[in-house]
Amino acid sequence: MTGGAEARPGTFAIWRQASRAWTLTLAVVGVLAGTAAAVYRGADFSLERFILAAVGAASLQAAANMINDYYDYVLGTDRFDDLSPEHFGPGLAIQQGLVTPNQLWWGGAIATVIGASLGLVLVYQCGWVVLAIGILSVAAAYFYTAPPLSLAYHGLGDLAVFLFMGPGFVLGGYYVQAGGFSWSAIVVCIAMGLLASAVLQVNNMRDIENDRAHGKRTFSVIVGRQATIAELVASDALAYGVIVLGVFTGALPLLTLAVLVTLPRAIGQIRLVSTATDWRNMNSALNLTGRLHLEFGVLIAAAMLIGRFFSL
């Protein structure tokens, strides 16, 4: 699909769409939350390491998005030859004739190299633990849909995203500042990983019929729509629950309970996916889930930083 007579977007706009730029906040906010947790625990803040970690994580996220779209197209999942692309949310740069499959693969490869190169700088500065986190992150980004693992095609996408964006981004951001780990970091990484996985859950719920028809066995395809809604409710509830537990056990400052102000957004998200009747509703739910992750993470980071300096 080429969009008919519509003007072709510029190069920057094309690659912003191809990389699904709106999702890159998942990476940056994860690193931010981990960094703030390290500062709360007494680490000296390094702006250089934060930038390296945040840009590196965003690069790997962009790589995962492009490689995911490439293999979904090559494997026949996201052809949509008889459907309008606006029904299916972000991405789909190949389907709209904006890039060729080969260009998208190389875009993903270049983003992977950028992320890995920045990671190697942090390895030099911080040691082998960063290397281990980096290797696992690169593997998760590439093999999410790429053969032979194709994690998303075997019901493992939700788990991969939880590990990639929770322990991967949050613990990585924490470690490069603190040189170790703490219960504060563990609590925050679980919460952020759950909410990042929730974004994928809504995405897969939207695509469940198409994925089933093309043999892509996401977790949503395996368990069905109602069970995926239950998974989403559980992910949201556990994210809030671990934060509350972290506060009452002293791992997090009292001010971290500020994340509870986002509960109405989480409730609205659940209501929307439970009653959605078309692609537009599900795309709205997807945007709402991404905003929930962003607001939740920013509030955690702010609470940690204020808690460090004002003992709240």
Protein backbone atom coordinates (compact mmCIF):
# COMPACT_ATOMS: atom_id res chain seq x y z
CA MET A 1 0.00 0.00 0.00
CA THR A 2 1.40 3.34 -0.98
CA GLY A 3 -1.25 5.71 0.35
CA GLY A 4 -2.57 6.68 -3.12
CA ALA A 5 -2.20 10.36 -3.92
CA GLU A 6 -1.10 11.34 -0.41
CA ALA A 7 2.25 13.10 -0.18
CA ARG A 8 5.11 10.85 0.82
CA PRO A 9 6.46 11.61 4.33
CA GLY A 10 10.01 12.87 4.74
CA THR A 11 12.88 10.57 5.68
CA PHE A 12 12.76 11.45 9.37
CA ALA A 13 9.00 10.86 9.54
CA ILE A 14 9.38 7.52 7.75
CA TRP A 15 11.98 6.20 10.19
CA ARG A 16 10.09 7.61 13.15
CA GLN A 17 7.14 5.51 12.04
CA ALA A 18 9.25 2.47 11.16
CA SER A 19 10.92 2.48 14.59
CA ARG A 20 7.59 3.14 16.35
CA ALA A 21 9.15 6.11 18.09
CA TRP A 22 6.30 6.47 20.58
CA THR A 23 7.31 3.16 22.21
CA LEU A 24 10.86 4.36 22.93
CA THR A 25 9.61 6.00 26.11
CA LEU A 26 9.26 2.46 27.50
CA ALA A 27 13.04 2.14 27.36
CA VAL A 28 13.96 5.63 28.52
CA VAL A 29 11.49 5.65 31.43
CA GLY A 30 12.73 2.24 32.54
CA VAL A 31 16.32 3.50 32.67
CA LEU A 32 15.14 6.69 34.39
CA ALA A 33 13.32 4.73 37.10
CA GLY A 34 16.37 2.53 37.69
CA THR A 35 18.65 5.56 37.82
CA ALA A 36 16.41 7.35 40.33
CA ALA A 37 16.31 4.23 42.50
CA ALA A 38 20.12 4.18 42.53
CA VAL A 39 20.26 7.84 43.54
CA TYR A 40 17.71 7.14 46.29
CA ARG A 41 20.01 4.42 47.60
CA GLY A 42 22.92 6.85 47.77
CA ALA A 43 24.67 6.45 44.41
CA ASP A 44 26.43 9.44 42.92
CA PHE A 45 24.58 10.40 39.74
CA SER A 46 26.52 10.19 36.47
CA LEU A 47 24.84 12.08 33.64
CA GLU A 48 27.15 10.45 31.10
CA ARG A 49 26.17 6.94 32.17
CA PHE A 50 22.50 7.83 32.25
CA ILE A 51 22.63 9.16 28.69
CA LEU A 52 24.58 6.14 27.46
CA ALA A 53 22.13 3.74 29.12
CA ALA A 54 18.99 5.62 28.01
CA VAL A 55 20.06 6.09 24.38
CA GLY A 56 21.39 2.52 24.24
CA ALA A 57 18.12 1.12 25.60
CA ALA A 58 16.06 3.25 23.19
CA SER A 59 18.21 2.03 20.29
CA LEU A 60 17.61 -1.60 21.24
CA GLN A 61 13.89 -0.91 21.58
CA ALA A 62 13.84 0.64 18.11
CA ALA A 63 15.80 -2.33 16.79
CA ALA A 64 13.31 -4.76 18.31
CA ASN A 65 10.41 -2.86 16.73
CA MET A 66 11.93 -2.83 13.24
CA ILE A 67 13.13 -6.43 13.30
CA ASN A 68 9.75 -7.46 14.66
CA ASP A 69 7.95 -5.73 11.78
CA TYR A 70 10.41 -7.18 9.26
CA TYR A 71 9.91 -10.80 10.34
CA ASP A 72 6.16 -10.40 10.80
CA TYR A 73 6.06 -9.28 7.17
CA VAL A 74 8.45 -11.93 5.84
CA LEU A 75 6.67 -14.70 7.74
CA GLY A 76 3.33 -13.53 6.35
CA THR A 77 1.72 -12.35 9.59
CA ASP A 78 1.44 -8.65 8.79
CA ARG A 79 0.67 -8.55 5.08
CA PHE A 80 -2.76 -6.92 5.35
CA ASP A 81 -3.06 -6.81 1.57
CA ASP A 82 -6.84 -6.44 1.79
CA LEU A 83 -7.03 -4.15 4.83
CA SER A 84 -6.31 -0.49 5.50
CA PRO A 85 -3.14 0.00 7.59
CA GLU A 86 -4.68 2.59 9.90
CA HIS A 87 -6.70 -0.21 11.45
CA PHE A 88 -3.60 -1.76 12.93
CA GLY A 89 -1.77 0.95 14.85
CA PRO A 90 1.87 2.02 14.56
CA GLY A 91 4.56 0.62 12.31
CA LEU A 92 3.64 -1.06 9.01
CA ALA A 93 6.15 1.02 7.06
CA ILE A 94 6.68 -1.83 4.60
CA GLN A 95 2.97 -2.29 3.96
CA GLN A 96 2.58 1.40 3.16
CA GLY A 97 5.47 1.37 0.71
CA LEU A 98 7.61 3.68 2.83
CA VAL A 99 10.56 1.28 3.11
CA THR A 100 11.48 -2.05 1.58
CA PRO A 101 11.83 -5.16 3.76
CA ASN A 102 15.59 -5.04 3.22
CA GLN A 103 15.78 -1.41 4.31
CA LEU A 104 13.79 -2.14 7.46
CA TRP A 105 16.05 -5.07 8.37
CA TRP A 106 19.12 -2.89 7.95
CA GLY A 107 17.47 -0.18 10.03
CA GLY A 108 17.03 -2.71 12.81
CA ALA A 109 20.59 -3.94 12.41
CA ILE A 110 22.03 -0.42 12.60
CA ALA A 111 19.94 0.38 15.69
CA THR A 112 21.23 -2.84 17.28
CA VAL A 113 24.83 -1.86 16.56
CA ILE A 114 24.26 1.59 18.07
CA GLY A 115 22.72 0.14 21.21
CA ALA A 116 25.42 -2.51 21.54
CA SER A 117 28.23 0.02 20.98
CA LEU A 118 26.91 2.32 23.71
CA GLY A 119 26.57 -0.72 25.93
CA LEU A 120 30.20 -1.64 25.37
CA VAL A 121 31.23 1.80 26.63
CA LEU A 122 29.30 1.06 29.81
CA VAL A 123 30.89 -2.38 30.01
CA TYR A 124 34.30 -0.72 29.94
CA GLN A 125 33.24 1.68 32.68
CA CYS A 126 31.16 -0.65 34.86
CA GLY A 127 32.21 -4.26 34.27
CA TRP A 128 30.97 -7.66 33.17
CA VAL A 129 27.50 -7.43 34.74
CA VAL A 130 26.58 -4.79 32.18
CA LEU A 131 27.91 -7.11 29.45
CA ALA A 132 25.62 -9.90 30.65
CA ILE A 133 22.59 -7.60 30.74
CA GLY A 134 23.53 -6.24 27.31
CA ILE A 135 23.91 -9.65 25.68
CA LEU A 136 20.54 -10.78 26.98
CA SER A 137 18.93 -7.50 25.88
CA VAL A 138 20.33 -7.72 22.34
CA ALA A 139 19.22 -11.37 22.11
CA ALA A 140 15.71 -10.51 23.31
CA ALA A 141 15.47 -7.60 20.86
CA TYR A 142 16.51 -9.69 17.85
CA PHE A 143 14.96 -13.06 18.59
CA TYR A 144 11.60 -11.65 19.67
CA THR A 145 10.33 -12.55 16.20
CA ALA A 146 13.51 -13.64 14.38
CA PRO A 147 14.07 -17.36 13.77
CA PRO A 148 15.08 -19.77 15.12
CA LEU A 149 13.67 -18.69 18.50
CA SER A 150 10.80 -16.42 17.34
CA LEU A 151 9.74 -15.93 20.95
CA ALA A 152 6.55 -14.04 20.10
CA TYR A 153 5.43 -16.91 17.85
CA HIS A 154 5.62 -19.42 20.72
CA GLY A 155 3.71 -17.58 23.43
CA LEU A 156 6.83 -16.15 25.08
CA GLY A 157 6.53 -12.54 23.96
CA ASP A 158 4.92 -11.29 27.18
CA LEU A 159 7.67 -12.85 29.29
CA ALA A 160 10.40 -11.58 26.96
CA VAL A 161 9.10 -8.00 27.16
CA PHE A 162 8.82 -8.21 30.96
CA LEU A 163 12.45 -9.32 31.24
CA PHE A 164 13.74 -6.98 28.51
CA MET A 165 12.08 -3.83 29.84
CA GLY A 166 11.99 -4.66 33.54
CA PRO A 167 15.22 -6.32 34.68
CA GLY A 168 16.97 -5.32 31.45
CA PHE A 169 16.32 -1.58 31.37
CA VAL A 170 15.60 -0.82 35.03
CA LEU A 171 18.31 -2.97 36.60
CA GLY A 172 20.73 -1.88 33.89
CA GLY A 173 20.02 1.78 34.66
CA TYR A 174 20.45 1.08 38.36
CA TYR A 175 23.69 -0.88 38.04
CA VAL A 176 25.58 1.63 35.92
CA GLN A 177 24.96 4.24 38.64
CA ALA A 178 25.32 2.12 41.80
CA GLY A 179 27.65 -0.71 40.77
CA GLY A 180 25.33 -3.24 42.41
CA PHE A 181 21.69 -4.06 43.08
CA SER A 182 19.20 -3.55 45.91
CA TRP A 183 15.66 -4.49 46.90
CA SER A 184 14.58 -1.04 45.75
CA ALA A 185 15.82 -1.86 42.24
CA ILE A 186 14.13 -5.28 42.26
CA VAL A 187 10.76 -3.82 43.29
CA VAL A 188 10.89 -1.07 40.68
CA CYS A 189 12.00 -3.40 37.88
CA ILE A 190 9.12 -5.79 38.58
CA ALA A 191 6.54 -3.00 38.48
CA MET A 192 7.93 -1.40 35.33
CA GLY A 193 8.34 -4.77 33.60
CA LEU A 194 4.72 -5.68 34.30
CA LEU A 195 3.41 -2.42 32.85
CA ALA A 196 5.66 -2.73 29.80
CA SER A 197 4.34 -6.24 29.25
CA ALA A 198 0.82 -4.84 29.56
CA VAL A 199 1.47 -2.73 26.45
CA LEU A 200 2.22 -5.90 24.50
CA GLN A 201 -0.81 -7.65 25.97
CA VAL A 202 -3.13 -4.95 24.64
CA ASN A 203 -1.33 -5.00 21.29
CA ASN A 204 -1.70 -8.78 21.00
CA MET A 205 -5.33 -8.62 22.10
CA ARG A 206 -5.97 -6.20 19.23
CA ASP A 207 -4.24 -8.50 16.73
CA ILE A 208 -5.54 -11.82 18.08
CA GLU A 209 -7.68 -12.78 15.07
CA ASN A 210 -5.06 -11.84 12.49
CA ASP A 211 -2.28 -13.57 14.43
CA ARG A 212 -4.37 -16.74 14.82
CA ALA A 213 -5.16 -16.77 11.11
CA HIS A 214 -1.46 -16.53 10.21
CA GLY A 215 -0.12 -19.05 12.71
CA LYS A 216 1.46 -16.54 15.10
CA ARG A 217 0.84 -18.18 18.47
CA THR A 218 1.12 -15.21 20.82
CA PHE A 219 0.11 -15.80 24.41
CA SER A 220 -3.19 -14.07 23.61
CA VAL A 221 -3.83 -16.51 20.77
CA ILE A 222 -3.07 -19.46 23.04
CA VAL A 223 -5.23 -18.43 26.01
CA GLY A 224 -7.91 -16.32 24.29
CA ARG A 225 -9.28 -12.82 24.71
CA GLN A 226 -10.91 -13.18 28.14
CA ALA A 227 -7.82 -14.78 29.67
CA THR A 228 -5.68 -12.00 28.18
CA ILE A 229 -7.92 -9.42 29.84
CA ALA A 230 -7.41 -11.30 33.11
CA GLU A 231 -3.64 -11.25 32.48
CA LEU A 232 -3.80 -7.49 31.93
CA VAL A 233 -5.75 -6.96 35.16
CA ALA A 234 -3.22 -9.10 37.03
CA SER A 235 -0.26 -7.22 35.53
CA ASP A 236 -1.69 -3.84 36.53
CA ALA A 237 -2.70 -5.03 40.00
CA LEU A 238 0.69 -6.60 40.68
CA ALA A 239 2.51 -3.47 39.48
CA TYR A 240 0.66 -1.37 42.04
CA GLY A 241 0.89 -4.13 44.63
CA VAL A 242 4.67 -4.47 44.55
CA ILE A 243 5.06 -0.70 44.90
CA VAL A 244 2.79 -0.66 47.97
CA LEU A 245 4.70 -3.63 49.38
CA GLY A 246 8.00 -1.88 48.66
CA VAL A 247 6.87 1.17 50.62
CA PHE A 248 5.68 -0.82 53.63
CA THR A 249 8.89 -2.87 53.74
CA GLY A 250 11.06 0.24 53.53
CA ALA A 251 12.51 -0.52 50.10
CA LEU A 252 10.84 2.57 48.65
CA PRO A 253 10.10 6.00 50.11
CA LEU A 254 6.56 6.76 51.28
CA LEU A 255 6.15 9.30 48.49
CA THR A 256 6.27 6.46 45.95
CA LEU A 257 2.62 5.83 46.79
CA ALA A 258 2.01 8.81 44.48
CA VAL A 259 1.74 6.23 41.67
CA LEU A 260 -1.74 5.48 43.00
CA VAL A 261 -2.95 8.67 41.31
CA THR A 262 -2.64 6.77 38.01
CA LEU A 263 -5.21 4.16 39.11
CA PRO A 264 -8.06 5.85 37.20
CA ARG A 265 -6.04 5.50 33.99
CA ALA A 266 -5.46 1.80 34.69
CA ILE A 267 -9.16 1.29 35.40
CA GLY A 268 -10.06 3.15 32.22
CA GLN A 269 -7.66 0.97 30.27
CA ILE A 270 -9.28 -2.23 31.59
CA ARG A 271 -12.78 -0.94 30.84
CA LEU A 272 -11.79 0.04 27.33
CA VAL A 273 -10.23 -3.30 26.38
CA SER A 274 -13.14 -5.16 28.00
CA THR A 275 -15.72 -3.35 25.88
CA ALA A 276 -13.73 -2.57 22.71
CA THR A 277 -15.62 -3.46 19.57
CA ASP A 278 -13.26 -2.30 16.82
CA TRP A 279 -9.62 -1.55 15.96
CA ARG A 280 -9.97 2.13 16.83
CA ASN A 281 -10.98 1.32 20.42
CA MET A 282 -8.08 -1.09 20.81
CA ASN A 283 -5.60 1.43 19.42
CA SER A 284 -6.92 3.94 21.97
CA ALA A 285 -6.42 1.35 24.70
CA LEU A 286 -2.88 0.77 23.45
CA ASN A 287 -2.08 4.47 23.67
CA LEU A 288 -3.63 4.59 27.15
CA THR A 289 -1.46 1.68 28.30
CA GLY A 290 1.68 3.39 27.03
CA ARG A 291 0.74 6.58 28.87
CA LEU A 292 0.15 4.60 32.07
CA HIS A 293 3.67 3.15 31.87
CA LEU A 294 5.12 6.61 31.24
CA GLU A 295 3.29 8.34 34.08
CA PHE A 296 3.90 5.47 36.50
CA GLY A 297 7.63 5.48 35.79
CA VAL A 298 8.02 9.25 35.97
CA LEU A 299 6.19 9.34 39.31
CA ILE A 300 8.44 6.60 40.69
CA ALA A 301 11.54 8.47 39.55
CA ALA A 302 10.32 11.76 41.03
CA ALA A 303 9.41 10.08 44.33
CA MET A 304 12.85 8.47 44.56
CA LEU A 305 14.70 11.69 43.88
CA ILE A 306 12.60 13.71 46.31
CA GLY A 307 12.91 10.93 48.86
CA ARG A 308 16.70 11.02 48.61
CA PHE A 309 16.99 14.71 49.37
CA PHE A 310 13.99 15.32 51.62
CA SER A 311 13.62 11.95 53.41
CA LEU A 312 9.97 11.53 52.40
